[in-house]
PDB file of N, CA and C in Angstrom:
ATOM      1  N   MET A   1       6.582 -12.851   0.307  1.00  0.00           N
ATOM      2  CA  MET A   1       6.777 -13.167  -1.100  1.00  0.00           C
ATOM      3  C   MET A   1       7.600 -12.046  -1.718  1.00  0.00           C
ATOM      4  N   GLU A   2       8.665 -12.433  -2.379  1.00  0.00           N
ATOM      5  CA  GLU A   2       9.589 -11.453  -2.916  1.00  0.00           C
ATOM      6  C   GLU A   2       9.352 -11.168  -4.396  1.00  0.00           C
ATOM      7  N   THR A   3       8.655 -12.026  -5.067  1.00  0.00           N
ATOM      8  CA  THR A   3       8.464 -11.869  -6.503  1.00  0.00           C
ATOM      9  C   THR A   3       7.309 -10.914  -6.810  1.00  0.00           C
ATOM     10  N   ARG A   4       7.396 -10.275  -7.948  1.00  0.00           N
ATOM     11  CA  ARG A   4       6.322  -9.401  -8.415  1.00  0.00           C
ATOM     12  C   ARG A   4       5.569 -10.046  -9.568  1.00  0.00           C
ATOM     13  N   ASP A   5       5.822 -11.334  -9.814  1.00  0.00           N
ATOM     14  CA  ASP A   5       5.167 -12.066 -10.888  1.00  0.00           C
ATOM     15  C   ASP A   5       3.688 -12.224 -10.543  1.00  0.00           C
ATOM     16  N   PRO A   6       2.801 -11.606 -11.329  1.00  0.00           N
ATOM     17  CA  PRO A   6       1.365 -11.677 -11.018  1.00  0.00           C
ATOM     18  C   PRO A   6       0.834 -13.102 -10.936  1.00  0.00           C
ATOM     19  N   GLY A   7       1.335 -13.987 -11.779  1.00  0.00           N
ATOM     20  CA  GLY A   7       0.875 -15.377 -11.743  1.00  0.00           C
ATOM     21  C   GLY A   7       1.220 -16.054 -10.430  1.00  0.00           C
ATOM     22  N   ALA A   8       2.440 -15.814  -9.943  1.00  0.00           N
ATOM     23  CA  ALA A   8       2.869 -16.395  -8.671  1.00  0.00           C
ATOM     24  C   ALA A   8       2.063 -15.817  -7.519  1.00  0.00           C
ATOM     25  N   ILE A   9       1.781 -14.539  -7.592  1.00  0.00           N
ATOM     26  CA  ILE A   9       0.994 -13.888  -6.538  1.00  0.00           C
ATOM     27  C   ILE A   9      -0.411 -14.468  -6.507  1.00  0.00           C
ATOM     28  N   VAL A  10      -1.022 -14.640  -7.658  1.00  0.00           N
ATOM     29  CA  VAL A  10      -2.378 -15.196  -7.742  1.00  0.00           C
ATOM     30  C   VAL A  10      -2.410 -16.623  -7.189  1.00  0.00           C
ATOM     31  N   ARG A  11      -1.388 -17.412  -7.524  1.00  0.00           N
ATOM     32  CA  ARG A  11      -1.327 -18.785  -7.004  1.00  0.00           C
ATOM     33  C   ARG A  11      -1.183 -18.786  -5.484  1.00  0.00           C
ATOM     34  N   ARG A  12      -0.344 -17.902  -4.964  1.00  0.00           N
ATOM     35  CA  ARG A  12      -0.142 -17.834  -3.514  1.00  0.00           C
ATOM     36  C   ARG A  12      -1.429 -17.394  -2.815  1.00  0.00           C
ATOM     37  N   ILE A  13      -2.141 -16.440  -3.405  1.00  0.00           N
ATOM     38  CA  ILE A  13      -3.424 -16.003  -2.835  1.00  0.00           C
ATOM     39  C   ILE A  13      -4.393 -17.181  -2.774  1.00  0.00           C
ATOM     40  N   ALA A  14      -4.436 -17.975  -3.825  1.00  0.00           N
ATOM     41  CA  ALA A  14      -5.327 -19.137  -3.856  1.00  0.00           C
ATOM     42  C   ALA A  14      -4.952 -20.133  -2.755  1.00  0.00           C
ATOM     43  N   GLU A  15      -3.655 -20.360  -2.558  1.00  0.00           N
ATOM     44  CA  GLU A  15      -3.206 -21.259  -1.492  1.00  0.00           C
ATOM     45  C   GLU A  15      -3.630 -20.739  -0.123  1.00  0.00           C
ATOM     46  N   LEU A  16      -3.424 -19.459   0.098  1.00  0.00           N
ATOM     47  CA  LEU A  16      -3.761 -18.858   1.391  1.00  0.00           C
ATOM     48  C   LEU A  16      -5.265 -18.881   1.635  1.00  0.00           C
ATOM     49  N   ARG A  17      -6.039 -18.641   0.592  1.00  0.00           N
ATOM     50  CA  ARG A  17      -7.500 -18.703   0.749  1.00  0.00           C
ATOM     51  C   ARG A  17      -7.951 -20.112   1.101  1.00  0.00           C
ATOM     52  N   GLY A  18      -7.320 -21.114   0.512  1.00  0.00           N
ATOM     53  CA  GLY A  18      -7.643 -22.498   0.846  1.00  0.00           C
ATOM     54  C   GLY A  18      -7.337 -22.800   2.301  1.00  0.00           C
ATOM     55  N   GLU A  19      -6.171 -22.341   2.766  1.00  0.00           N
ATOM     56  CA  GLU A  19      -5.813 -22.539   4.173  1.00  0.00           C
ATOM     57  C   GLU A  19      -6.788 -21.785   5.085  1.00  0.00           C
ATOM     58  N   HIS A  20      -7.189 -20.593   4.655  1.00  0.00           N
ATOM     59  CA  HIS A  20      -8.136 -19.774   5.423  1.00  0.00           C
ATOM     60  C   HIS A  20      -9.468 -20.505   5.574  1.00  0.00           C
ATOM     61  N   ARG A  21      -9.956 -21.091   4.477  1.00  0.00           N
ATOM     62  CA  ARG A  21     -11.218 -21.844   4.520  1.00  0.00           C
ATOM     63  C   ARG A  21     -11.103 -23.068   5.424  1.00  0.00           C
ATOM     64  N   ALA A  22      -9.965 -23.761   5.334  1.00  0.00           N
ATOM     65  CA  ALA A  22      -9.755 -24.946   6.166  1.00  0.00           C
ATOM     66  C   ALA A  22      -9.742 -24.568   7.650  1.00  0.00           C
ATOM     67  N   LEU A  23      -9.104 -23.456   7.976  1.00  0.00           N
ATOM     68  CA  LEU A  23      -9.091 -22.991   9.360  1.00  0.00           C
ATOM     69  C   LEU A  23     -10.497 -22.638   9.826  1.00  0.00           C
ATOM     70  N   ASP A  24     -11.262 -22.010   8.961  1.00  0.00           N
ATOM     71  CA  ASP A  24     -12.632 -21.634   9.300  1.00  0.00           C
ATOM     72  C   ASP A  24     -13.458 -22.875   9.638  1.00  0.00           C
ATOM     73  N   GLU A  25     -13.312 -23.911   8.839  1.00  0.00           N
ATOM     74  CA  GLU A  25     -14.040 -25.163   9.091  1.00  0.00           C
ATOM     75  C   GLU A  25     -13.606 -25.786  10.414  1.00  0.00           C
ATOM     76  N   ARG A  26     -12.304 -25.783  10.670  1.00  0.00           N
ATOM     77  CA  ARG A  26     -11.784 -26.370  11.911  1.00  0.00           C
ATOM     78  C   ARG A  26     -12.266 -25.572  13.126  1.00  0.00           C
ATOM     79  N   ILE A  27     -12.288 -24.261  13.009  1.00  0.00           N
ATOM     80  CA  ILE A  27     -12.763 -23.412  14.109  1.00  0.00           C
ATOM     81  C   ILE A  27     -14.229 -23.701  14.402  1.00  0.00           C
ATOM     82  N   GLN A  28     -15.027 -23.906  13.373  1.00  0.00           N
ATOM     83  CA  GLN A  28     -16.437 -24.235  13.566  1.00  0.00           C
ATOM     84  C   GLN A  28     -16.586 -25.575  14.274  1.00  0.00           C
ATOM     85  N   GLN A  29     -15.735 -26.527  13.958  1.00  0.00           N
ATOM     86  CA  GLN A  29     -15.779 -27.826  14.636  1.00  0.00           C
ATOM     87  C   GLN A  29     -15.418 -27.675  16.113  1.00  0.00           C
ATOM     88  N   LEU A  30     -14.435 -26.838  16.399  1.00  0.00           N
ATOM     89  CA  LEU A  30     -13.990 -26.646  17.774  1.00  0.00           C
ATOM     90  C   LEU A  30     -15.000 -25.869  18.603  1.00  0.00           C
ATOM     91  N   ALA A  31     -15.849 -25.093  17.957  1.00  0.00           N
ATOM     92  CA  ALA A  31     -16.827 -24.281  18.677  1.00  0.00           C
ATOM     93  C   ALA A  31     -17.760 -25.143  19.521  1.00  0.00           C
ATOM     94  N   ALA A  32     -17.959 -26.366  19.121  1.00  0.00           N
ATOM     95  CA  ALA A  32     -18.856 -27.264  19.852  1.00  0.00           C
ATOM     96  C   ALA A  32     -18.212 -27.816  21.121  1.00  0.00           C
ATOM     97  N   ASN A  33     -16.895 -27.679  21.249  1.00  0.00           N
ATOM     98  CA  ASN A  33     -16.191 -28.243  22.385  1.00  0.00           C
ATOM     99  C   ASN A  33     -15.440 -27.138  23.148  1.00  0.00           C
ATOM    100  N   PRO A  34     -15.957 -26.731  24.303  1.00  0.00           N
ATOM    101  CA  PRO A  34     -15.319 -25.646  25.052  1.00  0.00           C
ATOM    102  C   PRO A  34     -13.931 -26.002  25.571  1.00  0.00           C
ATOM    103  N   ASP A  35     -13.573 -27.283  25.615  1.00  0.00           N
ATOM    104  CA  ASP A  35     -12.242 -27.686  26.069  1.00  0.00           C
ATOM    105  C   ASP A  35     -11.152 -27.270  25.082  1.00  0.00           C
ATOM    106  N   ASP A  36     -11.527 -27.008  23.843  1.00  0.00           N
ATOM    107  CA  ASP A  36     -10.567 -26.643  22.804  1.00  0.00           C
ATOM    108  C   ASP A  36     -10.496 -25.135  22.575  1.00  0.00           C
ATOM    109  N   GLU A  37     -10.864 -24.361  23.577  1.00  0.00           N
ATOM    110  CA  GLU A  37     -10.911 -22.909  23.418  1.00  0.00           C
ATOM    111  C   GLU A  37      -9.539 -22.318  23.071  1.00  0.00           C
ATOM    112  N   LEU A  38      -8.488 -22.824  23.699  1.00  0.00           N
ATOM    113  CA  LEU A  38      -7.148 -22.310  23.434  1.00  0.00           C
ATOM    114  C   LEU A  38      -6.732 -22.574  21.987  1.00  0.00           C
ATOM    115  N   GLU A  39      -7.005 -23.770  21.507  1.00  0.00           N
ATOM    116  CA  GLU A  39      -6.670 -24.079  20.114  1.00  0.00           C
ATOM    117  C   GLU A  39      -7.497 -23.215  19.162  1.00  0.00           C
ATOM    118  N   ALA A  40      -8.763 -23.002  19.480  1.00  0.00           N
ATOM    119  CA  ALA A  40      -9.619 -22.169  18.634  1.00  0.00           C
ATOM    120  C   ALA A  40      -9.071 -20.742  18.567  1.00  0.00           C
ATOM    121  N   LYS A  41      -8.613 -20.216  19.692  1.00  0.00           N
ATOM    122  CA  LYS A  41      -8.038 -18.861  19.701  1.00  0.00           C
ATOM    123  C   LYS A  41      -6.788 -18.805  18.835  1.00  0.00           C
ATOM    124  N   ARG A  42      -5.956 -19.833  18.927  1.00  0.00           N
ATOM    125  CA  ARG A  42      -4.733 -19.890  18.130  1.00  0.00           C
ATOM    126  C   ARG A  42      -5.070 -19.939  16.641  1.00  0.00           C
ATOM    127  N   LEU A  43      -6.065 -20.743  16.288  1.00  0.00           N
ATOM    128  CA  LEU A  43      -6.466 -20.857  14.885  1.00  0.00           C
ATOM    129  C   LEU A  43      -7.082 -19.554  14.373  1.00  0.00           C
ATOM    130  N   LYS A  44      -7.839 -18.879  15.218  1.00  0.00           N
ATOM    131  CA  LYS A  44      -8.431 -17.589  14.822  1.00  0.00           C
ATOM    132  C   LYS A  44      -7.348 -16.559  14.563  1.00  0.00           C
ATOM    133  N   LYS A  45      -6.305 -16.579  15.385  1.00  0.00           N
ATOM    134  CA  LYS A  45      -5.192 -15.648  15.184  1.00  0.00           C
ATOM    135  C   LYS A  45      -4.496 -15.934  13.855  1.00  0.00           C
ATOM    136  N   ARG A  46      -4.269 -17.205  13.565  1.00  0.00           N
ATOM    137  CA  ARG A  46      -3.645 -17.584  12.295  1.00  0.00           C
ATOM    138  C   ARG A  46      -4.527 -17.181  11.118  1.00  0.00           C
ATOM    139  N   LYS A  47      -5.831 -17.330  11.285  1.00  0.00           N
ATOM    140  CA  LYS A  47      -6.783 -16.966  10.233  1.00  0.00           C
ATOM    141  C   LYS A  47      -6.702 -15.469   9.934  1.00  0.00           C
ATOM    142  N   LEU A  48      -6.575 -14.649  10.977  1.00  0.00           N
ATOM    143  CA  LEU A  48      -6.430 -13.204  10.783  1.00  0.00           C
ATOM    144  C   LEU A  48      -5.117 -12.866  10.086  1.00  0.00           C
ATOM    145  N   GLN A  49      -4.049 -13.581  10.439  1.00  0.00           N
ATOM    146  CA  GLN A  49      -2.769 -13.362   9.773  1.00  0.00           C
ATOM    147  C   GLN A  49      -2.871 -13.688   8.288  1.00  0.00           C
ATOM    148  N   LEU A  50      -3.563 -14.763   7.975  1.00  0.00           N
ATOM    149  CA  LEU A  50      -3.755 -15.131   6.577  1.00  0.00           C
ATOM    150  C   LEU A  50      -4.545 -14.061   5.831  1.00  0.00           C
ATOM    151  N   LYS A  51      -5.578 -13.551   6.472  1.00  0.00           N
ATOM    152  CA  LYS A  51      -6.398 -12.510   5.845  1.00  0.00           C
ATOM    153  C   LYS A  51      -5.551 -11.273   5.533  1.00  0.00           C
ATOM    154  N   ASP A  52      -4.688 -10.887   6.466  1.00  0.00           N
ATOM    155  CA  ASP A  52      -3.808  -9.741   6.244  1.00  0.00           C
ATOM    156  C   ASP A  52      -2.836 -10.008   5.102  1.00  0.00           C
ATOM    157  N   CYS A  53      -2.286 -11.198   5.063  1.00  0.00           N
ATOM    158  CA  CYS A  53      -1.346 -11.559   4.009  1.00  0.00           C
ATOM    159  C   CYS A  53      -2.032 -11.561   2.640  1.00  0.00           C
ATOM    160  N   ILE A  54      -3.241 -12.076   2.591  1.00  0.00           N
ATOM    161  CA  ILE A  54      -4.008 -12.086   1.340  1.00  0.00           C
ATOM    162  C   ILE A  54      -4.251 -10.649   0.873  1.00  0.00           C
ATOM    163  N   ALA A  55      -4.617  -9.778   1.793  1.00  0.00           N
ATOM    164  CA  ALA A  55      -4.872  -8.377   1.439  1.00  0.00           C
ATOM    165  C   ALA A  55      -3.600  -7.715   0.900  1.00  0.00           C
ATOM    166  N   ARG A  56      -2.454  -7.997   1.528  1.00  0.00           N
ATOM    167  CA  ARG A  56      -1.183  -7.429   1.056  1.00  0.00           C
ATOM    168  C   ARG A  56      -0.859  -7.908  -0.353  1.00  0.00           C
ATOM    169  N   LEU A  57      -1.043  -9.203  -0.583  1.00  0.00           N
ATOM    170  CA  LEU A  57      -0.756  -9.753  -1.906  1.00  0.00           C
ATOM    171  C   LEU A  57      -1.707  -9.189  -2.959  1.00  0.00           C
ATOM    172  N   GLU A  58      -2.971  -9.049  -2.603  1.00  0.00           N
ATOM    173  CA  GLU A  58      -3.938  -8.480  -3.552  1.00  0.00           C
ATOM    174  C   GLU A  58      -3.573  -7.045  -3.895  1.00  0.00           C
ATOM    175  N   SER A  59      -3.063  -6.303  -2.921  1.00  0.00           N
ATOM    176  CA  SER A  59      -2.669  -4.917  -3.198  1.00  0.00           C
ATOM    177  C   SER A  59      -1.458  -4.869  -4.130  1.00  0.00           C
ATOM    178  N   MET A  60      -0.629  -5.917  -4.124  1.00  0.00           N
ATOM    179  CA  MET A  60       0.512  -5.973  -5.037  1.00  0.00           C
ATOM    180  C   MET A  60       0.054  -6.135  -6.488  1.00  0.00           C
ATOM    181  N   LEU A  61      -1.146  -6.665  -6.677  1.00  0.00           N
ATOM    182  CA  LEU A  61      -1.662  -6.867  -8.032  1.00  0.00           C
ATOM    183  C   LEU A  61      -2.251  -5.596  -8.627  1.00  0.00           C
ATOM    184  N   ILE A  62      -2.509  -4.612  -7.774  1.00  0.00           N
ATOM    185  CA  ILE A  62      -3.079  -3.352  -8.249  1.00  0.00           C
ATOM    186  C   ILE A  62      -1.951  -2.489  -8.794  1.00  0.00           C
ATOM    187  N   PRO A  63      -2.034  -2.081 -10.045  1.00  0.00           N
ATOM    188  CA  PRO A  63      -0.943  -1.279 -10.617  1.00  0.00           C
ATOM    189  C   PRO A  63      -0.861   0.097  -9.949  1.00  0.00           C
ATOM    190  N   ASP A  64       0.371   0.576  -9.816  1.00  0.00           N
ATOM    191  CA  ASP A  64       0.577   1.912  -9.252  1.00  0.00           C
ATOM    192  C   ASP A  64       0.129   2.952 -10.274  1.00  0.00           C
ATOM    193  N   GLU A  65      -0.577   3.972  -9.770  1.00  0.00           N
ATOM    194  CA  GLU A  65      -1.014   5.058 -10.648  1.00  0.00           C
ATOM    195  C   GLU A  65      -0.114   6.265 -10.418  1.00  0.00           C
ATOM    196  N   PRO A  66       0.298   6.911 -11.479  1.00  0.00           N
ATOM    197  CA  PRO A  66       1.132   8.099 -11.284  1.00  0.00           C
ATOM    198  C   PRO A  66       0.334   9.217 -10.586  1.00  0.00           C
ATOM    199  N   ALA A  67       1.016   9.978  -9.780  1.00  0.00           N
ATOM    200  CA  ALA A  67       0.364  11.049  -9.027  1.00  0.00           C
ATOM    201  C   ALA A  67       0.029  12.222  -9.903  1.00  0.00           C
TER     202      ALA A  67
END
């Protein structure tokens, strides 16, 4: 995300959190089926990427403090 618009950042965080929750639900469904282990690993990796992206965006909302 290239913009520093707080409103846009907040909206993007909300979108990413929704995707994160959806992945979590899908991973729980796959846990019951060991044949889907590869897909579950792929989804877990994507979930971690989303978490990192959310953290980066949240840090953009924190104002810089002068030293």
